[in-house]
Amino acid sequence: MNTTFKALVTGVVMTLGTSATAAECIAPANPGGGWDFTCRQIGKILFDIGEVDSPVQVTNMAGAGGGLAFSHVVTERSNDADLIVAASSATTTRLAQNAYGGATADQVRFVGAIGADPGVIVVAADSPFMTLNDLVDAALADPGSVAFAGGSAVGGFDHLKPLQILKAAGLEDITQIKYIGVDGGADAITQTVGGFTQAMTGDMSEIVGFIEAGEVRVLAVLTEERVPGFEDIPTAREQGYDVVAVNWRGLYVPKDISDEEFQVWADRLAAVAASDEWQQAMRDNGLAPFTKVGADFQTWIDGVVASTEELSREIGVIQ
């Protein structure tokens, strides 16, 4: 690992500290984004339903699009059975694209996912773009005039969402579209509401509070059907773009914990998925049911990483 990057990891670890007794969930981004949501909701419910004996400590560790937290787990906490880390489609996308400086998906164990977060395309409330077609038309006319902010690195899952839409709209050179990658959806919303970008590409859970506050307008949700509780938001498909992009929400754990310890976390996550509290959390935050835990999830992840790597090569994100 790069010496400077390792020093940065060590510095963050010394600053944040660790918990020797209570379970800890690392959110690899700043407060307010999707990974933060995953840690705080799952952590709270784990305690509320009695799956853990004390509240789960949440540690925000933003940096390198999740790479800082990943390296911390691999190098410093590889056998910590009390540690879970928020993960999503962005995690596997970055690993598939070698965005974490040589880190690979098999350096941790993916324990499960219990919800799918619909992708969204969002503009500020005062934006001149009233529909997805308005935004697409502007990008087709002048690709450089429309910039997107997202919570993933360049070439990551958030970046790929608008590129898929514009490719479906007939834009031949999708590399002309500007994209600004920041640490988490909250930062991406700030960029867009502040007028630094024309649109935000992210997930439904990241924007619910901004919708309620009247700060944003959602032009499209990237699901097959409209999301329950948000029926007024049209899908991209309805507007002529056959693009579906959902972001699973789940956890990974250190690689060197035992199979028994891995199964404990799988069982705990399954209990959260089955709880009334999680069903309500999904309804409140626009998540769709998506439950895969344990060994089956790890096998599925292996396939996702392989297919993402293949797609990324096709569009030139990696060589």
Protein backbone atom coordinates (compact mmCIF):
# COMPACT_ATOMS: atom_id res chain seq x y z
CA MET A 1 0.00 0.00 0.00
CA ASN A 2 1.20 3.51 -0.77
CA THR A 3 3.16 4.91 2.23
CA THR A 4 1.34 8.24 2.24
CA PHE A 5 -2.06 6.52 2.03
CA LYS A 6 -1.12 4.16 4.89
CA ALA A 7 -0.09 7.12 7.01
CA LEU A 8 -3.44 8.73 6.30
CA VAL A 9 -5.26 5.56 7.36
CA THR A 10 -3.22 5.34 10.55
CA GLY A 11 -3.88 8.99 11.36
CA VAL A 12 -7.63 8.56 10.99
CA VAL A 13 -7.58 5.42 13.14
CA MET A 14 -5.68 7.24 15.89
CA THR A 15 -8.14 10.11 15.77
CA LEU A 16 -11.31 8.05 15.77
CA GLY A 17 -10.31 5.24 18.05
CA THR A 18 -11.99 1.83 18.17
CA SER A 19 -14.47 0.06 20.37
CA ALA A 20 -13.19 -3.01 22.21
CA THR A 21 -16.57 -4.19 23.50
CA ALA A 22 -19.52 -2.82 21.53
CA ALA A 23 -20.12 -3.60 17.89
CA GLU A 24 -18.93 -0.89 15.52
CA CYS A 25 -20.23 0.05 12.08
CA ILE A 26 -17.97 2.09 9.83
CA ALA A 27 -19.74 4.39 7.38
CA PRO A 28 -17.11 5.14 4.69
CA ALA A 29 -18.43 8.68 4.07
CA ASN A 30 -19.51 11.84 5.86
CA PRO A 31 -22.76 11.97 7.88
CA GLY A 32 -25.94 12.25 5.83
CA GLY A 33 -25.19 9.94 2.91
CA GLY A 34 -26.27 6.43 2.02
CA TRP A 35 -23.53 4.56 3.86
CA ASP A 36 -24.19 6.64 6.95
CA PHE A 37 -27.89 5.78 6.65
CA THR A 38 -27.06 2.07 6.41
CA CYS A 39 -24.92 2.06 9.55
CA ARG A 40 -27.28 4.15 11.63
CA GLN A 41 -30.50 2.37 10.66
CA ILE A 42 -29.14 -1.18 10.85
CA GLY A 43 -27.17 -0.39 13.99
CA LYS A 44 -30.19 1.08 15.74
CA ILE A 45 -32.46 -1.81 14.80
CA LEU A 46 -29.89 -4.43 15.82
CA PHE A 47 -30.04 -2.98 19.34
CA ASP A 48 -33.78 -2.30 19.35
CA ILE A 49 -34.64 -5.92 18.50
CA GLY A 50 -32.08 -7.37 20.90
CA GLU A 51 -29.57 -8.77 18.42
CA VAL A 52 -26.73 -6.91 20.17
CA ASP A 53 -26.40 -6.09 23.86
CA SER A 54 -25.36 -2.44 23.53
CA PRO A 55 -25.87 0.31 20.94
CA VAL A 56 -23.77 -0.04 17.82
CA GLN A 57 -21.07 2.62 17.56
CA VAL A 58 -21.11 4.42 14.19
CA THR A 59 -17.81 5.77 12.89
CA ASN A 60 -17.73 8.02 9.82
CA MET A 61 -14.52 7.46 7.87
CA ALA A 62 -14.74 9.42 4.63
CA GLY A 63 -11.96 9.31 2.08
CA ALA A 64 -11.05 7.91 -1.32
CA GLY A 65 -14.65 7.02 -2.11
CA GLY A 66 -14.69 4.32 0.55
CA GLY A 67 -11.09 3.26 -0.04
CA LEU A 68 -9.83 4.70 3.22
CA ALA A 69 -12.24 2.61 5.28
CA PHE A 70 -11.59 -0.48 3.15
CA SER A 71 -7.83 -0.20 3.66
CA HIS A 72 -8.34 0.40 7.37
CA VAL A 73 -10.35 -2.81 7.68
CA VAL A 74 -7.90 -4.87 5.62
CA THR A 75 -4.71 -3.61 7.26
CA GLU A 76 -5.78 -2.83 10.82
CA ARG A 77 -8.92 -4.81 11.67
CA SER A 78 -8.78 -7.99 9.56
CA ASN A 79 -9.90 -10.30 12.39
CA ASP A 80 -12.23 -7.96 14.30
CA ALA A 81 -15.46 -9.90 14.74
CA ASP A 82 -17.22 -6.88 16.26
CA LEU A 83 -16.79 -4.77 13.12
CA ILE A 84 -19.24 -4.27 10.26
CA VAL A 85 -18.90 -1.83 7.38
CA ALA A 86 -21.63 -0.24 5.27
CA ALA A 87 -21.44 -1.27 1.62
CA SER A 88 -23.42 -0.86 -1.58
CA SER A 89 -23.22 -1.19 -5.34
CA ALA A 90 -20.71 1.66 -5.25
CA THR A 91 -18.37 -0.52 -3.19
CA THR A 92 -18.30 -3.38 -5.66
CA THR A 93 -18.11 -1.00 -8.62
CA ARG A 94 -14.98 0.63 -7.25
CA LEU A 95 -13.39 -2.68 -6.39
CA ALA A 96 -14.12 -3.98 -9.88
CA GLN A 97 -12.50 -0.87 -11.35
CA ASN A 98 -9.38 -1.05 -9.15
CA ALA A 99 -10.30 2.29 -7.61
CA TYR A 100 -8.92 1.32 -4.21
CA GLY A 101 -5.26 1.16 -5.23
CA GLY A 102 -4.94 -2.57 -5.86
CA ALA A 103 -7.45 -3.68 -3.23
CA THR A 104 -9.73 -6.52 -4.28
CA ALA A 105 -13.17 -7.70 -3.23
CA ASP A 106 -11.80 -10.95 -1.77
CA GLN A 107 -9.93 -9.03 0.95
CA VAL A 108 -13.18 -8.78 2.95
CA ARG A 109 -16.32 -10.89 3.27
CA PHE A 110 -19.65 -9.53 2.10
CA VAL A 111 -22.20 -10.58 4.69
CA GLY A 112 -25.49 -9.42 3.20
CA ALA A 113 -27.84 -6.84 1.73
CA ILE A 114 -31.34 -6.10 2.99
CA GLY A 115 -32.65 -3.35 0.77
CA ALA A 116 -32.29 -1.83 -2.66
CA ASP A 117 -32.00 1.92 -2.92
CA PRO A 118 -33.48 3.21 -6.19
CA GLY A 119 -31.23 5.41 -8.26
CA VAL A 120 -32.42 8.96 -8.86
CA ILE A 121 -31.62 11.97 -11.00
CA VAL A 122 -32.19 15.19 -9.04
CA VAL A 123 -32.02 18.93 -9.68
CA ALA A 124 -32.37 21.93 -7.39
CA ALA A 125 -35.91 23.12 -6.72
CA ASP A 126 -35.31 26.28 -8.74
CA SER A 127 -33.72 24.46 -11.70
CA PRO A 128 -35.04 25.27 -15.18
CA PHE A 129 -35.16 21.52 -15.89
CA MET A 130 -38.68 20.38 -15.08
CA THR A 131 -38.43 16.85 -16.55
CA LEU A 132 -35.76 14.30 -17.34
CA ASN A 133 -36.34 15.02 -21.01
CA ASP A 134 -35.47 18.69 -20.42
CA LEU A 135 -32.17 17.70 -18.86
CA VAL A 136 -31.35 15.14 -21.53
CA ASP A 137 -32.20 17.56 -24.35
CA ALA A 138 -29.82 20.13 -22.87
CA ALA A 139 -27.04 17.55 -22.58
CA LEU A 140 -27.56 16.36 -26.15
CA ALA A 141 -27.45 19.94 -27.46
CA ASP A 142 -24.34 20.85 -25.46
CA PRO A 143 -22.83 17.98 -23.42
CA GLY A 144 -20.45 20.30 -21.64
CA SER A 145 -23.27 22.44 -20.27
CA VAL A 146 -24.61 19.81 -17.88
CA ALA A 147 -22.51 18.63 -14.95
CA PHE A 148 -23.56 15.96 -12.45
CA ALA A 149 -22.46 15.56 -8.83
CA GLY A 150 -22.51 12.15 -7.19
CA GLY A 151 -21.28 10.33 -4.14
CA SER A 152 -19.01 7.98 -6.05
CA ALA A 153 -15.66 8.49 -7.69
CA VAL A 154 -15.35 9.16 -11.41
CA GLY A 155 -16.42 5.98 -13.20
CA GLY A 156 -18.30 4.78 -10.10
CA PHE A 157 -21.89 3.66 -9.75
CA ASP A 158 -23.38 7.15 -9.43
CA HIS A 159 -21.38 8.29 -12.47
CA LEU A 160 -22.64 5.37 -14.54
CA LYS A 161 -26.33 6.20 -13.94
CA PRO A 162 -26.61 9.39 -16.04
CA LEU A 163 -24.21 7.95 -18.60
CA GLN A 164 -26.56 5.02 -19.14
CA ILE A 165 -29.48 7.42 -19.63
CA LEU A 166 -27.60 9.64 -22.07
CA LYS A 167 -26.31 6.61 -23.96
CA ALA A 168 -29.90 5.40 -24.26
CA ALA A 169 -30.82 8.88 -25.54
CA GLY A 170 -28.31 8.56 -28.36
CA LEU A 171 -25.27 10.47 -27.07
CA GLU A 172 -22.34 8.78 -28.81
CA ASP A 173 -19.48 10.22 -26.75
CA ILE A 174 -20.62 9.97 -23.15
CA THR A 175 -17.17 11.03 -21.94
CA GLN A 176 -18.18 14.61 -22.79
CA ILE A 177 -20.48 14.71 -19.77
CA LYS A 178 -18.95 16.41 -16.74
CA TYR A 179 -19.07 14.60 -13.41
CA ILE A 180 -17.89 15.66 -9.94
CA GLY A 181 -17.38 12.85 -7.44
CA VAL A 182 -17.69 13.79 -3.76
CA ASP A 183 -17.82 11.86 -0.48
CA GLY A 184 -21.48 10.94 -0.16
CA GLY A 185 -24.91 12.00 -1.37
CA ALA A 186 -25.27 14.89 1.07
CA ASP A 187 -22.20 16.57 -0.41
CA ALA A 188 -23.53 15.92 -3.92
CA ILE A 189 -26.83 17.58 -3.05
CA THR A 190 -24.94 20.56 -1.65
CA GLN A 191 -23.07 20.93 -4.93
CA THR A 192 -26.33 20.90 -6.88
CA VAL A 193 -28.46 23.09 -4.61
CA GLY A 194 -25.56 25.52 -4.49
CA GLY A 195 -25.49 25.78 -8.27
CA PHE A 196 -22.06 24.24 -8.76
CA THR A 197 -23.57 21.39 -10.81
CA GLN A 198 -26.79 21.15 -12.79
CA ALA A 199 -27.90 17.79 -11.38
CA MET A 200 -27.23 15.19 -8.72
CA THR A 201 -27.02 11.47 -9.40
CA GLY A 202 -27.54 9.28 -6.37
CA ASP A 203 -29.99 7.18 -4.40
CA MET A 204 -33.45 7.75 -2.93
CA SER A 205 -32.36 7.38 0.71
CA GLU A 206 -29.88 10.21 0.29
CA ILE A 207 -32.47 12.75 -0.82
CA VAL A 208 -35.66 12.08 1.20
CA GLY A 209 -34.89 14.87 3.69
CA PHE A 210 -34.12 17.28 0.86
CA ILE A 211 -37.41 16.39 -0.85
CA GLU A 212 -39.32 17.06 2.37
CA ALA A 213 -37.48 20.37 2.80
CA GLY A 214 -38.43 21.41 -0.73
CA GLU A 215 -34.81 21.88 -1.78
CA VAL A 216 -34.79 19.51 -4.75
CA ARG A 217 -36.88 18.21 -7.63
CA VAL A 218 -36.53 14.52 -8.56
CA LEU A 219 -36.65 14.14 -12.35
CA ALA A 220 -36.58 10.35 -12.41
CA VAL A 221 -36.29 7.23 -10.31
CA LEU A 222 -34.29 4.44 -11.93
CA THR A 223 -36.53 1.50 -11.08
CA GLU A 224 -38.85 -0.73 -13.10
CA GLU A 225 -41.91 0.74 -11.38
CA ARG A 226 -42.58 3.82 -9.26
CA VAL A 227 -41.41 3.56 -5.66
CA PRO A 228 -44.11 3.07 -2.99
CA GLY A 229 -44.49 6.26 -1.01
CA PHE A 230 -43.02 8.31 -3.86
CA GLU A 231 -45.59 7.59 -6.54
CA ASP A 232 -45.41 11.13 -7.92
CA ILE A 233 -41.84 10.55 -9.16
CA PRO A 234 -41.78 9.07 -12.69
CA THR A 235 -39.35 6.36 -13.74
CA ALA A 236 -36.76 6.89 -16.46
CA ARG A 237 -38.50 4.11 -18.39
CA GLU A 238 -41.75 6.06 -18.42
CA GLN A 239 -39.89 8.96 -19.98
CA GLY A 240 -38.39 6.89 -22.77
CA TYR A 241 -35.07 5.69 -21.32
CA ASP A 242 -34.80 1.97 -20.58
CA VAL A 243 -32.45 2.29 -17.62
CA VAL A 244 -32.83 0.53 -14.28
CA ALA A 245 -30.15 1.15 -11.63
CA VAL A 246 -30.67 0.27 -7.97
CA ASN A 247 -28.11 0.39 -5.20
CA TRP A 248 -28.22 -2.50 -2.75
CA ARG A 249 -27.62 -1.59 0.88
CA GLY A 250 -25.66 -4.00 3.03
CA LEU A 251 -22.51 -4.83 4.95
CA TYR A 252 -19.10 -6.39 4.69
CA VAL A 253 -16.97 -7.75 7.52
CA PRO A 254 -13.24 -8.41 7.93
CA LYS A 255 -11.92 -11.38 5.98
CA ASP A 256 -10.17 -13.22 8.79
CA ILE A 257 -13.08 -13.68 11.17
CA SER A 258 -14.26 -17.27 11.56
CA ASP A 259 -17.07 -18.86 9.58
CA GLU A 260 -19.06 -19.00 12.80
CA GLU A 261 -18.56 -15.28 13.43
CA PHE A 262 -19.49 -14.54 9.82
CA GLN A 263 -22.70 -16.53 10.24
CA VAL A 264 -23.56 -14.63 13.43
CA TRP A 265 -23.57 -11.39 11.43
CA ALA A 266 -25.54 -13.02 8.61
CA ASP A 267 -28.18 -14.17 11.10
CA ARG A 268 -28.30 -10.76 12.75
CA LEU A 269 -28.75 -9.04 9.40
CA ALA A 270 -31.50 -11.48 8.44
CA ALA A 271 -33.25 -10.65 11.72
CA VAL A 272 -33.09 -6.94 10.88
CA ALA A 273 -34.50 -7.62 7.40
CA ALA A 274 -37.46 -9.48 8.91
CA SER A 275 -38.22 -6.85 11.55
CA ASP A 276 -41.14 -4.45 11.47
CA GLU A 277 -38.68 -1.68 12.23
CA TRP A 278 -36.75 -2.31 9.02
CA GLN A 279 -39.93 -2.56 6.96
CA GLN A 280 -40.88 0.88 8.26
CA ALA A 281 -37.39 2.25 7.61
CA MET A 282 -37.61 1.05 4.00
CA ARG A 283 -40.99 2.70 3.54
CA ASP A 284 -39.77 5.93 5.11
CA ASN A 285 -36.68 6.09 2.92
CA GLY A 286 -37.81 4.77 -0.43
CA LEU A 287 -36.04 1.43 -0.26
CA ALA A 288 -37.28 -1.67 -2.04
CA PRO A 289 -37.01 -5.15 -0.43
CA PHE A 290 -33.80 -6.94 -1.40
CA THR A 291 -32.59 -9.61 1.00
CA LYS A 292 -29.49 -11.72 0.37
CA VAL A 293 -27.39 -12.82 3.33
CA GLY A 294 -24.53 -15.16 4.10
CA ALA A 295 -22.72 -17.37 1.62
CA ASP A 296 -25.33 -16.85 -1.11
CA PHE A 297 -24.72 -13.10 -1.00
CA GLN A 298 -20.95 -13.55 -1.23
CA THR A 299 -21.40 -15.74 -4.32
CA TRP A 300 -23.70 -13.14 -5.87
CA ILE A 301 -21.15 -10.39 -5.13
CA ASP A 302 -18.43 -12.36 -6.92
CA GLY A 303 -20.61 -12.40 -10.03
CA VAL A 304 -21.44 -8.69 -9.74
CA VAL A 305 -17.77 -7.73 -9.51
CA ALA A 306 -16.93 -9.81 -12.57
CA SER A 307 -19.77 -8.35 -14.67
CA THR A 308 -19.00 -4.78 -13.55
CA GLU A 309 -15.38 -5.18 -14.55
CA GLU A 310 -16.45 -6.41 -17.98
CA LEU A 311 -18.88 -3.48 -18.48
CA SER A 312 -16.29 -0.98 -17.28
CA ARG A 313 -13.83 -2.22 -19.88
CA GLU A 314 -16.47 -1.89 -22.58
CA ILE A 315 -17.07 1.80 -21.80
CA GLY A 316 -13.40 2.57 -21.30
CA VAL A 317 -13.41 3.23 -17.56
CA ILE A 318 -10.61 0.69 -17.14
CA GLN A 319 -8.19 -0.81 -19.63
